[in-house]
Amino acid sequence: MKAIILAAGEGKRMQSDLQKVMHPILGKPMVRYVVDVAKEAGASAITVVVGKGGDEIEKGLEGCEGLSFAVQKVPLGTGDAVKAGAGSIAPNDDVLVLCGDMPLVTAEFLTEFAAFARSGGGAEAVVAAVYKPDVADFGRVYDDNGDFVEIVEARDITAAHSHTDWANTGIYMFKGESLLSGLARLKNTNSQQEYYLTDVPKLLREEGKRVRVFHSREDLSVFTGINTQVQLAEAVRFMRERINAAHMMAGVRMIDPSSVYIDSAVKISRGAVIYPAVILEGNCEISENAVIGANCQLTDTIVGAGANVKHSVCAGAKIGAGTDVGPFAYLRPGAVIGEKCRVGNFVEVKNATLGNGTKMAHLSYIGDADVGSGVNYSCGAITANYDGKNKFRTKIGDNAFIGSNANLIAPIEIGENGFVAAGSTLTDDLPPRALGIARQRQSIKADWAK
């Protein structure tokens, strides 16, 4: 089976500089969802038809195997778009036609539809129709006991047309030879002066070829097409519900799934707990029994088993098993926190590793550093890693004690069991087990305040 995905629409109603099908839905462009389900349903080769600005779509789908692109140079309708993408179609191919702005269609539906088409008693084309008593702005599909009669666009419906409860989904299956011959016979004698793909099944029927209708009672959300920002938000809601439900069915506990946003690529293990107002983006991995507390935003972050993250922002970080993070911590890219650590409130870690059991309770900064195990890093301590031109690393040995308001001027190394006195600014290395004090001796001026 081959697939043609129509993605050349200009999307003017989106009121956006971004190509319509490149608008993201929980971590993926909407067209990527369509590509993925087509593959899952068995499409061995997929052609994406793009229009003006198609380079943006090609870049967004970079890395997808079995994908090729065709260009519809002038927007002359869906039939013309399919013709642009039919260059590699052979007469004996089964050809699935999909819309790139329908990201909620499922692989299960497409698999069932394709199976029906293959067992359709010699049908040269199959039209997918969905039960929708209030057809509204959907095209209507007419059939006679499953044999296709015609599709009538909503704007062309008149009082002379009989009622039907079946709406056109925009999903089709064709035999390659019949698709090519139907496209060759298309005419643009309509008010839009465009070539409609919906005319091809009718042309085939008029030739005496069998065309069938696949009647589906799937939830209408599956066939949501996106043309406006309002419809995009609606699609995000449907996809969020679908993703969250799948995680919960796999054993993830969500206190309020209606307030949780999880990207499609996120992995969450059984027993994890997700609190309200959580956003998990990119390639996050949440291990078993980890707790992601309220108001957390995690991007491309790995959270170990039994870890607890509260009211924090983490991007490109790795959090070890049994570690507590937050509230109000900020883990930036390259932050690697060991097991059973404590990264407390208003702590920032960037491009640094913390060994197992290390504690940064509050109001501290570690950047560009390698910190050992069992280190106590006190309130207000910082690594001064940037001199205005270059960045330098700090190394802190196991079981060191960094006192409050200490400044470690990198490059510098604090040896194992080293002790940095509170208020010190160290510019030289501290040997193991040594005490480092670098502060002015206190003096008292009696009655000075008067």
Protein backbone atom coordinates (compact mmCIF):
# COMPACT_ATOMS: atom_id res chain seq x y z
CA MET A 1 0.00 0.00 0.00
CA LYS A 2 1.18 3.50 -0.88
CA ALA A 3 -0.12 6.74 0.61
CA ILE A 4 -0.51 10.28 -0.65
CA ILE A 5 -0.85 12.95 2.03
CA LEU A 6 -2.24 16.30 0.95
CA ALA A 7 -0.33 19.09 2.70
CA ALA A 8 -0.33 21.91 0.16
CA GLY A 9 -3.13 23.99 1.67
CA GLU A 10 -2.15 27.60 2.32
CA GLY A 11 -4.05 27.74 5.61
CA LYS A 12 -4.92 31.43 5.33
CA ARG A 13 -7.54 31.13 8.08
CA MET A 14 -4.82 30.13 10.56
CA GLN A 15 -3.61 33.77 10.42
CA SER A 16 -0.05 32.53 10.91
CA ASP A 17 3.31 32.73 9.15
CA LEU A 18 3.79 29.03 9.94
CA GLN A 19 2.67 26.49 7.34
CA LYS A 20 -0.70 25.11 8.40
CA VAL A 21 0.35 21.46 8.66
CA MET A 22 3.47 22.44 10.62
CA HIS A 23 1.52 23.80 13.56
CA PRO A 24 2.51 21.67 16.55
CA ILE A 25 0.24 19.44 18.56
CA LEU A 26 1.88 18.20 21.75
CA GLY A 27 5.38 18.04 20.39
CA LYS A 28 4.82 17.09 16.74
CA PRO A 29 3.68 18.96 13.64
CA MET A 30 0.15 17.91 12.79
CA VAL A 31 1.28 16.36 9.48
CA ARG A 32 3.78 14.14 11.32
CA TYR A 33 0.88 12.43 13.10
CA VAL A 34 -0.67 11.61 9.72
CA VAL A 35 2.64 10.26 8.39
CA ASP A 36 3.13 8.10 11.47
CA VAL A 37 -0.34 6.50 11.41
CA ALA A 38 -0.08 5.85 7.67
CA LYS A 39 3.13 3.92 8.30
CA GLU A 40 1.59 2.07 11.23
CA ALA A 41 -1.36 1.07 9.04
CA GLY A 42 1.01 -0.47 6.50
CA ALA A 43 1.94 2.23 3.98
CA SER A 44 5.33 1.26 2.56
CA ALA A 45 5.86 4.49 0.63
CA ILE A 46 4.37 7.90 1.39
CA THR A 47 4.29 10.99 -0.81
CA VAL A 48 3.59 14.31 0.89
CA VAL A 49 2.22 16.91 -1.50
CA VAL A 50 3.37 20.40 -0.56
CA GLY A 51 2.81 23.82 -2.04
CA LYS A 52 4.37 27.21 -1.56
CA GLY A 53 6.77 27.09 1.39
CA GLY A 54 7.09 23.33 1.12
CA ASP A 55 10.74 23.47 2.21
CA GLU A 56 9.52 24.16 5.73
CA ILE A 57 7.44 20.98 5.68
CA GLU A 58 10.30 18.90 4.26
CA LYS A 59 12.59 20.15 7.02
CA GLY A 60 9.97 19.40 9.66
CA LEU A 61 9.67 15.80 8.43
CA GLU A 62 13.41 15.25 8.16
CA GLY A 63 14.45 11.76 9.21
CA CYS A 64 11.14 10.06 8.29
CA GLU A 65 11.98 6.93 6.31
CA GLY A 66 10.04 5.97 3.20
CA LEU A 67 8.97 9.56 2.59
CA SER A 68 9.07 11.58 -0.62
CA PHE A 69 7.71 14.99 -1.55
CA ALA A 70 5.84 16.37 -4.53
CA VAL A 71 5.01 20.00 -5.26
CA GLN A 72 1.64 21.37 -6.29
CA LYS A 73 2.90 24.54 -7.92
CA VAL A 74 -0.51 26.25 -8.16
CA PRO A 75 -3.37 25.49 -5.72
CA LEU A 76 -5.93 24.08 -8.15
CA GLY A 77 -7.82 21.79 -5.81
CA THR A 78 -7.51 18.39 -4.15
CA GLY A 79 -7.67 16.46 -7.42
CA ASP A 80 -4.78 18.45 -8.83
CA ALA A 81 -2.82 17.89 -5.60
CA VAL A 82 -3.27 14.12 -5.82
CA LYS A 83 -2.20 14.24 -9.47
CA ALA A 84 0.97 16.05 -8.38
CA GLY A 85 1.71 13.29 -5.88
CA ALA A 86 0.84 10.35 -8.15
CA GLY A 87 4.12 10.24 -10.06
CA SER A 88 5.27 6.98 -8.50
CA ILE A 89 1.89 5.23 -8.56
CA ALA A 90 1.81 1.95 -10.49
CA PRO A 91 -1.42 0.44 -11.91
CA ASN A 92 -1.48 -2.42 -9.40
CA ASP A 93 -0.84 -0.24 -6.31
CA ASP A 94 -3.34 0.25 -3.52
CA VAL A 95 -3.31 4.01 -2.89
CA LEU A 96 -4.47 5.55 0.38
CA VAL A 97 -5.25 9.28 0.21
CA LEU A 98 -5.15 11.28 3.45
CA CYS A 99 -5.31 14.93 4.49
CA GLY A 100 -2.29 16.41 6.23
CA ASP A 101 -4.48 18.56 8.47
CA MET A 102 -6.26 15.58 10.09
CA PRO A 103 -3.83 14.59 12.86
CA LEU A 104 -6.37 12.71 14.97
CA VAL A 105 -7.03 9.90 12.51
CA THR A 106 -5.87 6.63 14.07
CA ALA A 107 -3.84 3.73 12.73
CA GLU A 108 -6.60 1.40 13.95
CA PHE A 109 -9.16 3.15 11.77
CA LEU A 110 -6.87 3.16 8.72
CA THR A 111 -6.04 -0.53 9.19
CA GLU A 112 -9.73 -1.41 9.34
CA PHE A 113 -10.47 0.81 6.33
CA ALA A 114 -7.66 -0.73 4.27
CA ALA A 115 -8.82 -4.25 5.13
CA PHE A 116 -12.35 -3.36 3.98
CA ALA A 117 -10.98 -1.92 0.73
CA ARG A 118 -8.98 -5.08 -0.02
CA SER A 119 -12.00 -7.29 0.60
CA GLY A 120 -14.40 -4.98 -1.23
CA GLY A 121 -15.48 -7.41 -3.93
CA GLY A 122 -13.48 -5.91 -6.76
CA ALA A 123 -14.00 -2.28 -5.78
CA GLU A 124 -11.73 0.14 -7.64
CA ALA A 125 -12.20 2.82 -5.01
CA VAL A 126 -13.54 3.10 -1.47
CA VAL A 127 -14.79 6.29 0.20
CA ALA A 128 -14.70 6.53 4.01
CA ALA A 129 -17.88 8.05 5.45
CA VAL A 130 -18.62 8.81 9.10
CA TYR A 131 -22.00 8.82 10.81
CA LYS A 132 -22.91 12.45 11.44
CA PRO A 133 -26.65 13.20 11.45
CA ASP A 134 -25.92 16.92 11.55
CA VAL A 135 -23.62 16.96 8.53
CA ALA A 136 -23.10 20.74 8.81
CA ASP A 137 -20.15 21.83 6.66
CA PHE A 138 -19.04 18.28 5.82
CA GLY A 139 -19.63 16.96 2.33
CA ARG A 140 -22.40 14.36 2.18
CA VAL A 141 -21.86 10.82 0.92
CA TYR A 142 -24.70 9.10 -0.90
CA ASP A 143 -24.73 5.35 -1.50
CA ASP A 144 -27.04 2.52 -2.44
CA ASN A 145 -26.56 -0.36 0.00
CA GLY A 146 -22.87 0.40 0.22
CA ASP A 147 -22.33 1.11 -3.46
CA PHE A 148 -21.19 4.68 -3.97
CA VAL A 149 -23.50 7.16 -5.72
CA GLU A 150 -21.95 10.60 -5.20
CA ILE A 151 -20.38 13.11 -2.83
CA VAL A 152 -22.06 16.50 -2.60
CA GLU A 153 -20.16 19.38 -0.98
CA ALA A 154 -22.05 21.20 1.77
CA ARG A 155 -22.22 24.43 -0.22
CA ASP A 156 -23.82 22.59 -3.15
CA ILE A 157 -26.64 20.95 -1.16
CA THR A 158 -30.13 21.97 -2.35
CA ALA A 159 -33.67 21.07 -1.37
CA ALA A 160 -33.66 18.51 -4.17
CA HIS A 161 -31.05 16.39 -2.36
CA SER A 162 -32.34 13.69 -0.04
CA HIS A 163 -31.22 13.53 3.58
CA THR A 164 -28.23 11.42 4.56
CA ASP A 165 -26.54 10.84 7.91
CA TRP A 166 -23.16 10.09 6.33
CA ALA A 167 -20.41 12.68 5.98
CA ASN A 168 -17.29 12.57 3.86
CA THR A 169 -14.09 12.12 5.91
CA GLY A 170 -11.70 13.01 3.07
CA ILE A 171 -10.09 9.56 3.28
CA TYR A 172 -10.02 7.33 0.18
CA MET A 173 -8.51 4.14 -1.16
CA PHE A 174 -7.98 3.65 -4.89
CA LYS A 175 -6.58 1.02 -7.18
CA GLY A 176 -3.64 2.71 -8.87
CA GLU A 177 -4.84 2.27 -12.45
CA SER A 178 -8.32 3.60 -11.67
CA LEU A 179 -6.94 6.56 -9.72
CA LEU A 180 -4.69 7.57 -12.60
CA SER A 181 -7.45 7.26 -15.19
CA GLY A 182 -9.90 9.18 -13.00
CA LEU A 183 -7.43 12.00 -12.42
CA ALA A 184 -6.81 12.25 -16.14
CA ARG A 185 -10.54 12.80 -16.77
CA LEU A 186 -11.11 15.43 -14.07
CA LYS A 187 -12.60 18.75 -15.15
CA ASN A 188 -12.72 22.07 -13.28
CA THR A 189 -16.22 23.08 -14.37
CA ASN A 190 -17.30 24.40 -10.97
CA SER A 191 -17.60 27.73 -9.19
CA GLN A 192 -14.06 27.45 -7.79
CA GLN A 193 -12.57 26.33 -11.12
CA GLU A 194 -10.69 23.64 -9.24
CA TYR A 195 -10.16 19.92 -9.75
CA TYR A 196 -11.97 18.04 -6.98
CA LEU A 197 -10.79 14.62 -5.84
CA THR A 198 -14.40 13.96 -4.78
CA ASP A 199 -15.32 13.79 -8.48
CA VAL A 200 -13.00 10.83 -9.14
CA PRO A 201 -15.18 8.14 -7.44
CA LYS A 202 -18.18 9.39 -9.42
CA LEU A 203 -16.24 9.24 -12.71
CA LEU A 204 -15.20 5.68 -11.92
CA ARG A 205 -18.79 4.68 -11.14
CA GLU A 206 -19.95 6.21 -14.40
CA GLU A 207 -17.35 4.06 -16.19
CA GLY A 208 -19.05 1.01 -14.70
CA LYS A 209 -16.35 0.36 -12.11
CA ARG A 210 -17.37 -0.59 -8.61
CA VAL A 211 -16.95 2.05 -5.92
CA ARG A 212 -17.81 1.23 -2.31
CA VAL A 213 -18.53 3.28 0.81
CA PHE A 214 -16.99 2.34 4.14
CA HIS A 215 -19.41 3.40 6.89
CA SER A 216 -17.72 4.27 10.17
CA ARG A 217 -19.21 5.16 13.54
CA GLU A 218 -15.90 6.31 14.98
CA ASP A 219 -15.97 9.32 17.27
CA LEU A 220 -16.14 12.45 15.14
CA SER A 221 -13.02 13.83 16.80
CA VAL A 222 -10.98 11.30 14.79
CA PHE A 223 -11.83 13.21 11.62
CA THR A 224 -11.21 16.72 12.91
CA GLY A 225 -9.74 18.86 10.15
CA ILE A 226 -7.79 21.94 11.18
CA ASN A 227 -8.27 25.25 9.40
CA THR A 228 -8.27 27.79 12.25
CA GLN A 229 -6.49 28.38 15.54
CA VAL A 230 -9.75 27.47 17.30
CA GLN A 231 -9.80 24.07 15.60
CA LEU A 232 -6.11 23.61 16.41
CA ALA A 233 -6.82 24.15 20.11
CA GLU A 234 -9.67 21.67 19.88
CA ALA A 235 -7.37 19.10 18.28
CA VAL A 236 -4.81 19.64 21.05
CA ARG A 237 -7.54 18.91 23.60
CA PHE A 238 -8.55 15.69 21.86
CA MET A 239 -4.95 14.54 21.48
CA ARG A 240 -4.15 15.43 25.10
CA GLU A 241 -7.09 13.34 26.30
CA ARG A 242 -6.00 10.44 24.10
CA ILE A 243 -2.36 10.56 25.26
CA ASN A 244 -3.26 10.95 28.94
CA ALA A 245 -5.77 8.11 28.80
CA ALA A 246 -3.15 5.79 27.28
CA HIS A 247 -0.71 6.58 30.11
CA MET A 248 -3.36 6.06 32.78
CA MET A 249 -4.39 2.74 31.25
CA ALA A 250 -0.72 1.73 31.54
CA GLY A 251 -0.68 2.44 35.29
CA VAL A 252 0.20 6.14 35.56
CA ARG A 253 -1.79 8.05 38.15
CA MET A 254 -2.96 11.55 37.22
CA ILE A 255 -4.66 13.67 39.87
CA ASP A 256 -6.33 15.94 37.27
CA PRO A 257 -5.66 14.79 33.69
CA SER A 258 -7.59 17.74 32.29
CA SER A 259 -4.76 20.07 33.37
CA VAL A 260 -1.83 17.88 32.26
CA TYR A 261 -0.10 18.32 28.88
CA ILE A 262 2.14 15.48 27.74
CA ASP A 263 3.94 15.42 24.39
CA SER A 264 3.50 12.37 22.19
CA ALA A 265 7.12 11.18 22.60
CA VAL A 266 7.12 11.23 26.42
CA LYS A 267 7.59 7.89 28.21
CA ILE A 268 6.10 7.35 31.66
CA SER A 269 6.48 4.15 33.67
CA ARG A 270 3.87 2.35 35.70
CA GLY A 271 3.35 3.76 39.19
CA ALA A 272 4.42 7.32 38.40
CA VAL A 273 2.20 10.09 39.77
CA ILE A 274 1.46 13.29 37.85
CA TYR A 275 -0.08 16.22 39.72
CA PRO A 276 -2.15 19.05 38.18
CA ALA A 277 -0.76 21.75 35.88
CA VAL A 278 2.18 19.65 34.67
CA ILE A 279 3.75 20.04 31.20
CA LEU A 280 6.01 17.26 29.92
CA GLU A 281 7.63 18.18 26.60
CA GLY A 282 9.98 16.59 24.10
CA ASN A 283 11.68 13.32 25.02
CA CYS A 284 10.99 13.19 28.74
CA GLU A 285 11.24 9.85 30.52
CA ILE A 286 9.56 9.44 33.90
CA SER A 287 10.54 6.26 35.75
CA GLU A 288 8.42 4.07 38.00
CA ASN A 289 7.02 5.63 41.18
CA ALA A 290 8.43 9.05 40.40
CA VAL A 291 6.24 11.98 41.44
CA ILE A 292 5.93 15.09 39.28
CA GLY A 293 4.31 17.70 41.50
CA ALA A 294 2.01 20.54 40.57
CA ASN A 295 3.15 23.35 38.26
CA CYS A 296 6.20 21.57 36.84
CA GLN A 297 7.47 22.04 33.29
CA LEU A 298 9.90 19.38 32.13
CA THR A 299 11.51 19.33 28.68
CA ASP A 300 13.77 16.50 27.44
CA THR A 301 14.33 15.48 31.06
CA ILE A 302 14.88 12.01 32.54
CA VAL A 303 13.49 11.42 36.03
CA GLY A 304 14.69 8.37 37.97
CA ALA A 305 12.63 5.89 39.95
CA GLY A 306 11.04 7.32 43.09
CA ALA A 307 12.30 10.86 42.44
CA ASN A 308 10.12 13.79 43.46
CA VAL A 309 9.98 17.03 41.47
CA LYS A 310 7.92 19.94 42.83
CA HIS A 311 7.08 23.35 41.28
CA SER A 312 10.19 23.31 39.10
CA VAL A 313 11.44 23.88 35.56
CA CYS A 314 13.82 21.30 34.09
CA ALA A 315 15.22 21.29 30.54
CA GLY A 316 17.68 18.75 29.21
CA ALA A 317 18.34 17.44 32.72
CA LYS A 318 18.75 14.02 34.30
CA ILE A 319 17.47 13.39 37.82
CA GLY A 320 18.61 10.29 39.70
CA ALA A 321 16.49 7.79 41.58
CA GLY A 322 15.16 8.92 44.95
CA THR A 323 16.23 12.55 44.42
CA ASP A 324 14.09 15.50 45.56
CA VAL A 325 13.97 18.59 43.34
CA GLY A 326 12.26 21.86 44.24
CA PRO A 327 10.15 23.65 44.94
CA PHE A 328 11.17 26.38 42.49
CA ALA A 329 14.38 24.75 41.23
CA TYR A 330 15.73 25.35 37.74
CA LEU A 331 17.68 22.53 36.11
CA ARG A 332 19.16 23.68 32.82
CA PRO A 333 20.64 21.62 29.96
CA GLY A 334 23.44 19.32 31.03
CA ALA A 335 22.36 19.14 34.66
CA VAL A 336 22.93 15.56 35.84
CA ILE A 337 21.75 14.97 39.40
CA GLY A 338 22.74 11.75 41.13
CA GLU A 339 20.67 9.46 43.32
CA LYS A 340 19.18 10.54 46.65
CA CYS A 341 20.23 14.13 46.18
CA ARG A 342 18.45 17.23 47.41
CA VAL A 343 18.11 20.20 45.05
CA GLY A 344 15.98 22.66 46.97
CA ASN A 345 14.15 25.92 46.48
CA PHE A 346 15.64 28.59 44.20
CA VAL A 347 18.57 26.41 43.19
CA GLU A 348 19.91 26.53 39.63
CA VAL A 349 22.13 23.87 38.06
CA LYS A 350 23.59 24.17 34.56
CA ASN A 351 25.95 21.84 32.69
CA ALA A 352 27.03 20.22 35.93
CA THR A 353 27.01 16.80 37.57
CA LEU A 354 26.11 16.16 41.21
CA GLY A 355 27.19 12.88 42.81
CA ASN A 356 24.91 10.66 44.88
CA GLY A 357 23.70 12.10 48.16
CA THR A 358 24.79 15.67 47.47
CA LYS A 359 22.56 18.40 48.90
CA MET A 360 21.89 21.94 47.67
CA ALA A 361 19.07 23.01 49.93
CA HIS A 362 18.36 26.55 48.76
CA LEU A 363 19.41 29.74 46.98
CA SER A 364 22.49 28.35 45.24
CA TYR A 365 24.01 28.14 41.78
CA ILE A 366 26.24 25.49 40.23
CA GLY A 367 27.31 25.95 36.61
CA ASP A 368 29.97 24.10 34.62
CA ALA A 369 31.00 21.90 37.53
CA ASP A 370 31.71 18.33 38.58
CA VAL A 371 30.50 17.82 42.13
CA GLY A 372 31.22 14.60 44.02
CA SER A 373 29.06 12.50 46.32
CA GLY A 374 27.93 13.51 49.78
CA VAL A 375 28.72 17.19 49.26
CA ASN A 376 26.92 19.84 51.34
CA TYR A 377 26.51 22.93 49.17
CA SER A 378 25.11 25.67 51.37
CA CYS A 379 22.75 28.61 50.89
CA GLY A 380 24.01 31.39 48.63
CA ALA A 381 27.09 29.53 47.38
CA ILE A 382 27.96 29.86 43.70
CA THR A 383 30.46 28.71 41.14
CA ALA A 384 31.72 31.79 39.30
CA ASN A 385 32.16 30.05 35.97
CA TYR A 386 32.24 32.96 33.48
CA ASP A 387 34.80 35.75 33.20
CA GLY A 388 32.92 37.66 30.52
CA LYS A 389 34.63 35.85 27.67
CA ASN A 390 35.25 32.21 28.61
CA LYS A 391 33.62 29.61 30.85
CA PHE A 392 35.61 27.47 33.25
CA ARG A 393 34.83 24.37 35.29
CA THR A 394 34.81 23.80 39.01
CA LYS A 395 35.57 20.44 40.60
CA ILE A 396 34.40 19.59 44.11
CA GLY A 397 35.50 16.32 45.72
CA ASP A 398 33.40 13.85 47.68
CA ASN A 399 32.08 14.90 51.11
CA ALA A 400 33.24 18.48 50.77
CA PHE A 401 31.43 21.22 52.69
CA ILE A 402 30.78 24.49 50.88
CA GLY A 403 29.72 27.16 53.38
CA SER A 404 27.00 29.76 52.90
CA ASN A 405 27.69 32.66 50.54
CA ALA A 406 30.90 31.09 49.27
CA ASN A 407 32.18 32.10 45.83
CA LEU A 408 34.25 29.50 43.98
CA ILE A 409 36.12 31.30 41.18
CA ALA A 410 36.67 28.81 38.36
CA PRO A 411 38.81 27.14 37.30
CA ILE A 412 39.19 25.71 40.80
CA GLU A 413 39.25 22.37 42.57
CA ILE A 414 38.03 21.65 46.09
CA GLY A 415 39.55 18.43 47.38
CA GLU A 416 37.73 15.56 49.09
CA ASN A 417 36.45 16.47 52.57
CA GLY A 418 37.56 20.05 51.98
CA PHE A 419 35.75 22.72 54.00
CA VAL A 420 35.06 26.18 52.59
CA ALA A 421 34.20 28.66 55.32
CA ALA A 422 31.02 30.71 54.96
CA GLY A 423 31.47 34.02 53.19
CA SER A 424 34.72 33.01 51.51
CA THR A 425 35.76 33.82 47.97
CA LEU A 426 38.26 31.19 46.83
CA THR A 427 40.45 31.66 43.79
CA ASP A 428 42.98 28.88 44.45
CA ASP A 429 42.58 25.12 44.75
CA LEU A 430 41.82 23.71 48.20
CA PRO A 431 43.66 20.49 49.16
CA PRO A 432 41.73 17.50 50.57
CA ARG A 433 40.62 17.84 54.22
CA ALA A 434 41.76 21.46 54.33
CA LEU A 435 39.84 24.49 55.57
CA GLY A 436 39.64 27.41 53.17
CA ILE A 437 38.92 30.89 54.55
CA ALA A 438 39.09 33.95 52.34
CA ARG A 439 37.37 36.88 54.03
CA GLN A 440 38.38 40.09 55.81
CA ARG A 441 38.76 39.82 59.58
CA GLN A 442 35.87 41.45 61.43
CA SER A 443 36.51 44.80 63.07
CA ILE A 444 34.21 46.66 65.47
CA LYS A 445 33.88 50.47 65.64
CA ALA A 446 32.17 51.28 68.92
CA ASP A 447 29.30 53.82 68.68
CA TRP A 448 29.97 54.28 64.95
CA ALA A 449 26.28 54.05 64.06
CA LYS A 450 25.52 57.36 65.88
